[in-house]
Amino acid sequence: MLVLTRKTGEGIVIGDDITVKIIESKGGNIRLGIDAPKNKKIYRQEVYDRISQENVEATQWNSIDLDSISNSLKTRKK
């Protein structure tokens, strides 16, 4: 991980199309300004982590008793 020190008003450039600027530093909080193309998705870390977790959960198969479902469908057809 690259660690940089920046003052308010200073920034960094990532690649050719992303600029991150320190807008304000107050009370242990830092406000960042991010200038990036609209096709780049930008998330706060905690939001990204939650999205990733929900995606993993959505792909997991719940253990379903397929025989039970099959029997239920057979009973319904009668």
PDB file of N, CA and C in Angstrom:
ATOM      1  N   MET A   1       0.849  -1.182   0.000  1.00  0.00           N
ATOM      2  CA  MET A   1       0.000   0.000   0.000  1.00  0.00           C
ATOM      3  C   MET A   1       0.889   1.239   0.000  1.00  0.00           C
ATOM      4  N   LEU A   2       0.591   2.134  -0.884  1.00  0.00           N
ATOM      5  CA  LEU A   2       1.290   3.410  -0.946  1.00  0.00           C
ATOM      6  C   LEU A   2       0.638   4.362   0.053  1.00  0.00           C
ATOM      7  N   VAL A   3       1.434   4.971   0.912  1.00  0.00           N
ATOM      8  CA  VAL A   3       0.924   5.933   1.894  1.00  0.00           C
ATOM      9  C   VAL A   3       1.535   7.294   1.579  1.00  0.00           C
ATOM     10  N   LEU A   4       0.678   8.292   1.402  1.00  0.00           N
ATOM     11  CA  LEU A   4       1.120   9.641   1.072  1.00  0.00           C
ATOM     12  C   LEU A   4       0.608  10.633   2.105  1.00  0.00           C
ATOM     13  N   THR A   5       1.330  11.708   2.277  1.00  0.00           N
ATOM     14  CA  THR A   5       0.886  12.808   3.126  1.00  0.00           C
ATOM     15  C   THR A   5       0.475  13.958   2.216  1.00  0.00           C
ATOM     16  N   ARG A   6      -0.710  14.494   2.434  1.00  0.00           N
ATOM     17  CA  ARG A   6      -1.230  15.597   1.639  1.00  0.00           C
ATOM     18  C   ARG A   6      -1.843  16.625   2.571  1.00  0.00           C
ATOM     19  N   LYS A   7      -1.809  17.860   2.183  1.00  0.00           N
ATOM     20  CA  LYS A   7      -2.442  18.944   2.925  1.00  0.00           C
ATOM     21  C   LYS A   7      -3.742  19.315   2.229  1.00  0.00           C
ATOM     22  N   THR A   8      -4.585  20.056   2.943  1.00  0.00           N
ATOM     23  CA  THR A   8      -5.834  20.532   2.353  1.00  0.00           C
ATOM     24  C   THR A   8      -5.539  21.271   1.052  1.00  0.00           C
ATOM     25  N   GLY A   9      -6.298  20.937   0.019  1.00  0.00           N
ATOM     26  CA  GLY A   9      -6.115  21.548  -1.292  1.00  0.00           C
ATOM     27  C   GLY A   9      -5.184  20.765  -2.201  1.00  0.00           C
ATOM     28  N   GLU A  10      -4.408  19.857  -1.629  1.00  0.00           N
ATOM     29  CA  GLU A  10      -3.514  19.042  -2.438  1.00  0.00           C
ATOM     30  C   GLU A  10      -4.229  17.761  -2.857  1.00  0.00           C
ATOM     31  N   GLY A  11      -3.666  17.084  -3.822  1.00  0.00           N
ATOM     32  CA  GLY A  11      -4.315  15.870  -4.299  1.00  0.00           C
ATOM     33  C   GLY A  11      -3.330  14.884  -4.875  1.00  0.00           C
ATOM     34  N   ILE A  12      -3.881  13.822  -5.422  1.00  0.00           N
ATOM     35  CA  ILE A  12      -3.095  12.811  -6.119  1.00  0.00           C
ATOM     36  C   ILE A  12      -3.829  12.449  -7.414  1.00  0.00           C
ATOM     37  N   VAL A  13      -3.083  11.922  -8.357  1.00  0.00           N
ATOM     38  CA  VAL A  13      -3.655  11.486  -9.626  1.00  0.00           C
ATOM     39  C   VAL A  13      -3.447   9.984  -9.739  1.00  0.00           C
ATOM     40  N   ILE A  14      -4.513   9.274 -10.104  1.00  0.00           N
ATOM     41  CA  ILE A  14      -4.459   7.824 -10.296  1.00  0.00           C
ATOM     42  C   ILE A  14      -4.710   7.559 -11.776  1.00  0.00           C
ATOM     43  N   GLY A  15      -3.732   6.965 -12.430  1.00  0.00           N
ATOM     44  CA  GLY A  15      -3.859   6.747 -13.870  1.00  0.00           C
ATOM     45  C   GLY A  15      -3.957   8.082 -14.582  1.00  0.00           C
ATOM     46  N   ASP A  16      -4.661   8.081 -15.701  1.00  0.00           N
ATOM     47  CA  ASP A  16      -4.811   9.314 -16.479  1.00  0.00           C
ATOM     48  C   ASP A  16      -6.123  10.027 -16.228  1.00  0.00           C
ATOM     49  N   ASP A  17      -7.033   9.370 -15.474  1.00  0.00           N
ATOM     50  CA  ASP A  17      -8.387   9.919 -15.441  1.00  0.00           C
ATOM     51  C   ASP A  17      -9.022  10.046 -14.058  1.00  0.00           C
ATOM     52  N   ILE A  18      -8.255   9.820 -12.993  1.00  0.00           N
ATOM     53  CA  ILE A  18      -8.827   9.939 -11.648  1.00  0.00           C
ATOM     54  C   ILE A  18      -7.956  10.873 -10.814  1.00  0.00           C
ATOM     55  N   THR A  19      -8.592  11.865 -10.200  1.00  0.00           N
ATOM     56  CA  THR A  19      -7.905  12.784  -9.299  1.00  0.00           C
ATOM     57  C   THR A  19      -8.613  12.762  -7.951  1.00  0.00           C
ATOM     58  N   VAL A  20      -7.835  12.631  -6.885  1.00  0.00           N
ATOM     59  CA  VAL A  20      -8.375  12.657  -5.524  1.00  0.00           C
ATOM     60  C   VAL A  20      -7.760  13.868  -4.834  1.00  0.00           C
ATOM     61  N   LYS A  21      -8.621  14.724  -4.279  1.00  0.00           N
ATOM     62  CA  LYS A  21      -8.157  15.963  -3.663  1.00  0.00           C
ATOM     63  C   LYS A  21      -8.642  16.031  -2.217  1.00  0.00           C
ATOM     64  N   ILE A  22      -7.779  16.511  -1.326  1.00  0.00           N
ATOM     65  CA  ILE A  22      -8.153  16.724   0.072  1.00  0.00           C
ATOM     66  C   ILE A  22      -8.920  18.043   0.131  1.00  0.00           C
ATOM     67  N   ILE A  23     -10.194  17.953   0.479  1.00  0.00           N
ATOM     68  CA  ILE A  23     -11.044  19.142   0.544  1.00  0.00           C
ATOM     69  C   ILE A  23     -10.961  19.789   1.922  1.00  0.00           C
ATOM     70  N   GLU A  24     -11.013  18.951   2.953  1.00  0.00           N
ATOM     71  CA  GLU A  24     -11.033  19.484   4.318  1.00  0.00           C
ATOM     72  C   GLU A  24     -10.560  18.408   5.286  1.00  0.00           C
ATOM     73  N   SER A  25      -9.856  18.826   6.320  1.00  0.00           N
ATOM     74  CA  SER A  25      -9.445  17.932   7.397  1.00  0.00           C
ATOM     75  C   SER A  25      -9.825  18.604   8.705  1.00  0.00           C
ATOM     76  N   LYS A  26     -10.766  17.968   9.430  1.00  0.00           N
ATOM     77  CA  LYS A  26     -11.259  18.609  10.645  1.00  0.00           C
ATOM     78  C   LYS A  26     -11.714  17.538  11.628  1.00  0.00           C
ATOM     79  N   GLY A  27     -11.244  17.621  12.860  1.00  0.00           N
ATOM     80  CA  GLY A  27     -11.714  16.725  13.913  1.00  0.00           C
ATOM     81  C   GLY A  27     -11.522  15.242  13.619  1.00  0.00           C
ATOM     82  N   GLY A  28     -10.434  14.882  12.989  1.00  0.00           N
ATOM     83  CA  GLY A  28     -10.186  13.478  12.694  1.00  0.00           C
ATOM     84  C   GLY A  28     -10.877  12.977  11.439  1.00  0.00           C
ATOM     85  N   ASN A  29     -11.669  13.826  10.801  1.00  0.00           N
ATOM     86  CA  ASN A  29     -12.337  13.451   9.550  1.00  0.00           C
ATOM     87  C   ASN A  29     -11.678  14.161   8.380  1.00  0.00           C
ATOM     88  N   ILE A  30     -11.670  13.486   7.260  1.00  0.00           N
ATOM     89  CA  ILE A  30     -11.114  14.064   6.042  1.00  0.00           C
ATOM     90  C   ILE A  30     -12.183  14.025   4.966  1.00  0.00           C
ATOM     91  N   ARG A  31     -12.393  15.138   4.299  1.00  0.00           N
ATOM     92  CA  ARG A  31     -13.327  15.184   3.165  1.00  0.00           C
ATOM     93  C   ARG A  31     -12.499  15.105   1.894  1.00  0.00           C
ATOM     94  N   LEU A  32     -12.846  14.127   1.056  1.00  0.00           N
ATOM     95  CA  LEU A  32     -12.148  13.923  -0.199  1.00  0.00           C
ATOM     96  C   LEU A  32     -13.030  14.351  -1.358  1.00  0.00           C
ATOM     97  N   GLY A  33     -12.421  14.905  -2.362  1.00  0.00           N
ATOM     98  CA  GLY A  33     -13.103  15.164  -3.624  1.00  0.00           C
ATOM     99  C   GLY A  33     -12.507  14.225  -4.656  1.00  0.00           C
ATOM    100  N   ILE A  34     -13.345  13.516  -5.383  1.00  0.00           N
ATOM    101  CA  ILE A  34     -12.864  12.554  -6.368  1.00  0.00           C
ATOM    102  C   ILE A  34     -13.404  12.953  -7.733  1.00  0.00           C
ATOM    103  N   ASP A  35     -12.503  13.180  -8.650  1.00  0.00           N
ATOM    104  CA  ASP A  35     -12.876  13.500 -10.026  1.00  0.00           C
ATOM    105  C   ASP A  35     -12.520  12.287 -10.873  1.00  0.00           C
ATOM    106  N   ALA A  36     -13.563  11.611 -11.382  1.00  0.00           N
ATOM    107  CA  ALA A  36     -13.359  10.391 -12.164  1.00  0.00           C
ATOM    108  C   ALA A  36     -14.433  10.298 -13.238  1.00  0.00           C
ATOM    109  N   PRO A  37     -14.175   9.526 -14.283  1.00  0.00           N
ATOM    110  CA  PRO A  37     -15.192   9.335 -15.322  1.00  0.00           C
ATOM    111  C   PRO A  37     -16.457   8.715 -14.736  1.00  0.00           C
ATOM    112  N   LYS A  38     -17.595   9.027 -15.331  1.00  0.00           N
ATOM    113  CA  LYS A  38     -18.872   8.522 -14.820  1.00  0.00           C
ATOM    114  C   LYS A  38     -18.973   7.009 -14.887  1.00  0.00           C
ATOM    115  N   ASN A  39     -18.196   6.375 -15.766  1.00  0.00           N
ATOM    116  CA  ASN A  39     -18.269   4.918 -15.869  1.00  0.00           C
ATOM    117  C   ASN A  39     -17.476   4.206 -14.773  1.00  0.00           C
ATOM    118  N   LYS A  40     -16.762   4.948 -13.945  1.00  0.00           N
ATOM    119  CA  LYS A  40     -16.030   4.369 -12.816  1.00  0.00           C
ATOM    120  C   LYS A  40     -16.928   4.381 -11.587  1.00  0.00           C
ATOM    121  N   LYS A  41     -17.115   3.228 -10.973  1.00  0.00           N
ATOM    122  CA  LYS A  41     -17.925   3.145  -9.758  1.00  0.00           C
ATOM    123  C   LYS A  41     -17.038   3.462  -8.562  1.00  0.00           C
ATOM    124  N   ILE A  42     -17.536   4.345  -7.703  1.00  0.00           N
ATOM    125  CA  ILE A  42     -16.784   4.752  -6.518  1.00  0.00           C
ATOM    126  C   ILE A  42     -17.673   4.519  -5.306  1.00  0.00           C
ATOM    127  N   TYR A  43     -17.175   3.733  -4.345  1.00  0.00           N
ATOM    128  CA  TYR A  43     -17.931   3.400  -3.140  1.00  0.00           C
ATOM    129  C   TYR A  43     -17.086   3.688  -1.906  1.00  0.00           C
ATOM    130  N   ARG A  44     -17.740   4.009  -0.799  1.00  0.00           N
ATOM    131  CA  ARG A  44     -17.056   3.992   0.492  1.00  0.00           C
ATOM    132  C   ARG A  44     -16.732   2.530   0.799  1.00  0.00           C
ATOM    133  N   GLN A  45     -15.652   2.270   1.501  1.00  0.00           N
ATOM    134  CA  GLN A  45     -15.203   0.899   1.752  1.00  0.00           C
ATOM    135  C   GLN A  45     -16.272   0.048   2.412  1.00  0.00           C
ATOM    136  N   GLU A  46     -16.970   0.596   3.422  1.00  0.00           N
ATOM    137  CA  GLU A  46     -17.975  -0.206   4.131  1.00  0.00           C
ATOM    138  C   GLU A  46     -19.158  -0.554   3.231  1.00  0.00           C
ATOM    139  N   VAL A  47     -19.491   0.327   2.302  1.00  0.00           N
ATOM    140  CA  VAL A  47     -20.574   0.043   1.353  1.00  0.00           C
ATOM    141  C   VAL A  47     -20.127  -1.045   0.378  1.00  0.00           C
ATOM    142  N   TYR A  48     -18.913  -0.932  -0.130  1.00  0.00           N
ATOM    143  CA  TYR A  48     -18.382  -1.931  -1.057  1.00  0.00           C
ATOM    144  C   TYR A  48     -18.303  -3.311  -0.405  1.00  0.00           C
ATOM    145  N   ASP A  49     -17.846  -3.342   0.848  1.00  0.00           N
ATOM    146  CA  ASP A  49     -17.760  -4.617   1.574  1.00  0.00           C
ATOM    147  C   ASP A  49     -19.134  -5.252   1.723  1.00  0.00           C
ATOM    148  N   ARG A  50     -20.142  -4.453   2.024  1.00  0.00           N
ATOM    149  CA  ARG A  50     -21.510  -4.973   2.184  1.00  0.00           C
ATOM    150  C   ARG A  50     -22.057  -5.495   0.855  1.00  0.00           C
ATOM    151  N   ILE A  51     -21.824  -4.770  -0.217  1.00  0.00           N
ATOM    152  CA  ILE A  51     -22.260  -5.218  -1.543  1.00  0.00           C
ATOM    153  C   ILE A  51     -21.595  -6.549  -1.883  1.00  0.00           C
ATOM    154  N   SER A  52     -20.299  -6.644  -1.633  1.00  0.00           N
ATOM    155  CA  SER A  52     -19.573  -7.887  -1.913  1.00  0.00           C
ATOM    156  C   SER A  52     -20.130  -9.045  -1.106  1.00  0.00           C
ATOM    157  N   GLN A  53     -20.402  -8.810   0.177  1.00  0.00           N
ATOM    158  CA  GLN A  53     -20.947  -9.857   1.039  1.00  0.00           C
ATOM    159  C   GLN A  53     -22.326 -10.300   0.553  1.00  0.00           C
ATOM    160  N   GLU A  54     -23.170  -9.358   0.184  1.00  0.00           N
ATOM    161  CA  GLU A  54     -24.507  -9.700  -0.313  1.00  0.00           C
ATOM    162  C   GLU A  54     -24.427 -10.477  -1.623  1.00  0.00           C
ATOM    163  N   ASN A  55     -23.455 -10.155  -2.465  1.00  0.00           N
ATOM    164  CA  ASN A  55     -23.278 -10.908  -3.706  1.00  0.00           C
ATOM    165  C   ASN A  55     -22.861 -12.345  -3.428  1.00  0.00           C
ATOM    166  N   VAL A  56     -21.979 -12.540  -2.456  1.00  0.00           N
ATOM    167  CA  VAL A  56     -21.568 -13.897  -2.082  1.00  0.00           C
ATOM    168  C   VAL A  56     -22.763 -14.670  -1.543  1.00  0.00           C
ATOM    169  N   GLU A  57     -23.532 -14.038  -0.662  1.00  0.00           N
ATOM    170  CA  GLU A  57     -24.699 -14.704  -0.080  1.00  0.00           C
ATOM    171  C   GLU A  57     -25.730 -15.054  -1.147  1.00  0.00           C
ATOM    172  N   ALA A  58     -25.885 -14.210  -2.143  1.00  0.00           N
ATOM    173  CA  ALA A  58     -26.876 -14.455  -3.192  1.00  0.00           C
ATOM    174  C   ALA A  58     -26.500 -15.643  -4.067  1.00  0.00           C
ATOM    175  N   THR A  59     -25.212 -15.941  -4.158  1.00  0.00           N
ATOM    176  CA  THR A  59     -24.778 -17.052  -5.008  1.00  0.00           C
ATOM    177  C   THR A  59     -24.756 -18.384  -4.275  1.00  0.00           C
ATOM    178  N   GLN A  60     -24.915 -18.345  -2.965  1.00  0.00           N
ATOM    179  CA  GLN A  60     -24.883 -19.597  -2.206  1.00  0.00           C
ATOM    180  C   GLN A  60     -26.237 -20.281  -2.270  1.00  0.00           C
ATOM    181  N   TRP A  61     -26.207 -21.544  -2.483  1.00  0.00           N
ATOM    182  CA  TRP A  61     -27.398 -22.381  -2.595  1.00  0.00           C
ATOM    183  C   TRP A  61     -27.845 -22.732  -1.205  1.00  0.00           C
ATOM    184  N   ASN A  62     -29.067 -22.453  -0.892  1.00  0.00           N
ATOM    185  CA  ASN A  62     -29.622 -22.926   0.372  1.00  0.00           C
ATOM    186  C   ASN A  62     -29.892 -24.407   0.226  1.00  0.00           C
ATOM    187  N   SER A  63     -29.648 -25.168   1.282  1.00  0.00           N
ATOM    188  CA  SER A  63     -29.896 -26.609   1.186  1.00  0.00           C
ATOM    189  C   SER A  63     -31.400 -26.835   1.209  1.00  0.00           C
ATOM    190  N   ILE A  64     -31.933 -27.197   0.063  1.00  0.00           N
ATOM    191  CA  ILE A  64     -33.362 -27.429  -0.094  1.00  0.00           C
ATOM    192  C   ILE A  64     -33.552 -28.912  -0.358  1.00  0.00           C
ATOM    193  N   ASP A  65     -34.518 -29.482   0.273  1.00  0.00           N
ATOM    194  CA  ASP A  65     -34.826 -30.890   0.069  1.00  0.00           C
ATOM    195  C   ASP A  65     -35.601 -31.022  -1.234  1.00  0.00           C
ATOM    196  N   LEU A  66     -34.881 -31.385  -2.303  1.00  0.00           N
ATOM    197  CA  LEU A  66     -35.507 -31.468  -3.621  1.00  0.00           C
ATOM    198  C   LEU A  66     -36.579 -32.548  -3.672  1.00  0.00           C
ATOM    199  N   ASP A  67     -36.401 -33.642  -2.907  1.00  0.00           N
ATOM    200  CA  ASP A  67     -37.429 -34.686  -2.865  1.00  0.00           C
ATOM    201  C   ASP A  67     -38.728 -34.123  -2.304  1.00  0.00           C
ATOM    202  N   SER A  68     -38.615 -33.304  -1.289  1.00  0.00           N
ATOM    203  CA  SER A  68     -39.792 -32.701  -0.677  1.00  0.00           C
ATOM    204  C   SER A  68     -40.520 -31.807  -1.684  1.00  0.00           C
ATOM    205  N   ILE A  69     -39.757 -31.034  -2.441  1.00  0.00           N
ATOM    206  CA  ILE A  69     -40.361 -30.165  -3.452  1.00  0.00           C
ATOM    207  C   ILE A  69     -41.026 -31.007  -4.534  1.00  0.00           C
ATOM    208  N   SER A  70     -40.347 -32.061  -4.961  1.00  0.00           N
ATOM    209  CA  SER A  70     -40.903 -32.945  -5.989  1.00  0.00           C
ATOM    210  C   SER A  70     -42.205 -33.575  -5.524  1.00  0.00           C
ATOM    211  N   ASN A  71     -42.216 -34.072  -4.292  1.00  0.00           N
ATOM    212  CA  ASN A  71     -43.431 -34.677  -3.740  1.00  0.00           C
ATOM    213  C   ASN A  71     -44.551 -33.649  -3.626  1.00  0.00           C
ATOM    214  N   SER A  72     -44.205 -32.448  -3.245  1.00  0.00           N
ATOM    215  CA  SER A  72     -45.198 -31.391  -3.118  1.00  0.00           C
ATOM    216  C   SER A  72     -45.824 -31.074  -4.474  1.00  0.00           C
ATOM    217  N   LEU A  73     -45.008 -31.036  -5.512  1.00  0.00           N
ATOM    218  CA  LEU A  73     -45.518 -30.762  -6.855  1.00  0.00           C
ATOM    219  C   LEU A  73     -46.400 -31.903  -7.355  1.00  0.00           C
ATOM    220  N   LYS A  74     -46.010 -33.135  -7.057  1.00  0.00           N
ATOM    221  CA  LYS A  74     -46.819 -34.289  -7.463  1.00  0.00           C
ATOM    222  C   LYS A  74     -48.176 -34.255  -6.786  1.00  0.00           C
ATOM    223  N   THR A  75     -48.196 -33.897  -5.515  1.00  0.00           N
ATOM    224  CA  THR A  75     -49.439 -33.823  -4.753  1.00  0.00           C
ATOM    225  C   THR A  75     -50.333 -32.723  -5.316  1.00  0.00           C
ATOM    226  N   ARG A  76     -49.757 -31.625  -5.713  1.00  0.00           N
ATOM    227  CA  ARG A  76     -50.518 -30.497  -6.269  1.00  0.00           C
ATOM    228  C   ARG A  76     -51.186 -30.851  -7.588  1.00  0.00           C
ATOM    229  N   LYS A  77     -50.525 -31.676  -8.389  1.00  0.00           N
ATOM    230  CA  LYS A  77     -51.061 -32.036  -9.699  1.00  0.00           C
ATOM    231  C   LYS A  77     -52.311 -32.898  -9.586  1.00  0.00           C
ATOM    232  N   LYS A  78     -52.476 -33.612  -8.486  1.00  0.00           N
ATOM    233  CA  LYS A  78     -53.621 -34.522  -8.316  1.00  0.00           C
ATOM    234  C   LYS A  78     -54.876 -33.805  -8.042  1.00  0.00           C
TER     235      LYS A  78
END
